[in-house]
Amino acid sequence: MEHLTHHPREGERIDTIAHHYYGDAAQVGHILRANPILLGRLTALAGQPLKIPLIDPPPPEAQIGLPPWRAND
């Protein structure tokens, strides 16, 4: 699987990294699976390169119920 590399800052939370790359903090599982060293942690290790998997956007039907400003993200 293709991925980007992220170099976290001190105290950077994994969910905020997921939000930055995926627009959704709930997608943190993709990052955790690609970086087993993070399991059980809330914050990333400063300077430890992380793999950020490239994922497909959700299908349009998954966007039903989103507010109008998010429906076409």
Protein backbone atom coordinates (compact mmCIF):
# COMPACT_ATOMS: atom_id res chain seq x y z
CA MET A 1 0.00 0.00 0.00
CA GLU A 2 1.26 3.46 -0.83
CA HIS A 3 1.85 5.89 1.99
CA LEU A 4 3.10 9.34 2.91
CA THR A 5 5.63 9.94 5.67
CA HIS A 6 4.85 12.24 8.60
CA HIS A 7 7.40 13.47 11.15
CA PRO A 8 5.43 14.27 14.33
CA ARG A 9 6.20 17.13 16.65
CA GLU A 10 6.49 16.71 20.43
CA GLY A 11 3.08 15.87 21.92
CA GLU A 12 1.29 15.56 18.58
CA ARG A 13 -1.77 13.34 18.99
CA ILE A 14 -2.48 10.51 16.60
CA ASP A 15 -6.10 11.56 16.13
CA THR A 16 -5.06 15.06 15.06
CA ILE A 17 -2.67 13.52 12.53
CA ALA A 18 -5.57 11.44 11.17
CA HIS A 19 -7.74 14.54 10.96
CA HIS A 20 -4.99 16.42 9.13
CA TYR A 21 -4.54 13.76 6.44
CA TYR A 22 -8.04 12.26 6.21
CA GLY A 23 -10.28 15.07 7.41
CA ASP A 24 -11.65 12.71 10.06
CA ALA A 25 -10.02 11.88 13.39
CA ALA A 26 -11.99 8.62 13.49
CA GLN A 27 -9.77 7.28 10.68
CA VAL A 28 -6.91 6.85 13.16
CA GLY A 29 -7.06 3.06 12.68
CA HIS A 30 -5.34 3.34 9.29
CA ILE A 31 -2.36 5.02 10.93
CA LEU A 32 -2.27 2.60 13.86
CA ARG A 33 -2.29 -0.46 11.59
CA ALA A 34 0.55 0.97 9.50
CA ASN A 35 2.60 1.89 12.59
CA PRO A 36 2.33 -0.87 15.24
CA ILE A 37 4.74 1.07 17.48
CA LEU A 38 1.84 3.46 18.19
CA LEU A 39 -0.56 0.85 19.60
CA GLY A 40 -1.68 1.86 23.07
CA ARG A 41 -0.43 5.43 22.68
CA LEU A 42 -2.36 8.68 22.37
CA THR A 43 0.59 10.72 21.13
CA ALA A 44 3.18 10.02 18.49
CA LEU A 45 6.87 9.90 19.26
CA ALA A 46 8.50 13.19 18.27
CA GLY A 47 10.61 12.79 15.15
CA GLN A 48 9.70 9.10 14.68
CA PRO A 49 8.65 8.87 11.02
CA LEU A 50 5.11 7.59 10.62
CA LYS A 51 3.57 5.91 7.60
CA ILE A 52 0.31 7.58 6.57
CA PRO A 53 -1.51 5.15 4.25
CA LEU A 54 -3.19 6.60 1.19
CA ILE A 55 -6.83 5.56 1.38
CA ASP A 56 -9.70 5.88 -1.03
CA PRO A 57 -12.31 8.51 -0.17
CA PRO A 58 -15.63 7.13 1.12
CA PRO A 59 -18.23 6.34 -1.53
CA PRO A 60 -20.89 9.04 -2.12
CA GLU A 61 -23.55 7.03 -0.27
CA ALA A 62 -21.39 7.24 2.87
CA GLN A 63 -21.77 11.02 2.75
CA ILE A 64 -25.56 10.92 3.21
CA GLY A 65 -26.51 12.99 6.23
CA LEU A 66 -23.41 15.16 6.16
CA PRO A 67 -23.92 18.90 6.37
CA PRO A 68 -23.88 20.59 2.92
CA TRP A 69 -20.43 22.09 3.42
CA ARG A 70 -18.95 18.60 4.01
CA ALA A 71 -20.95 16.54 1.47
CA ASN A 72 -18.48 17.10 -1.38
CA ASP A 73 -15.18 16.90 0.53
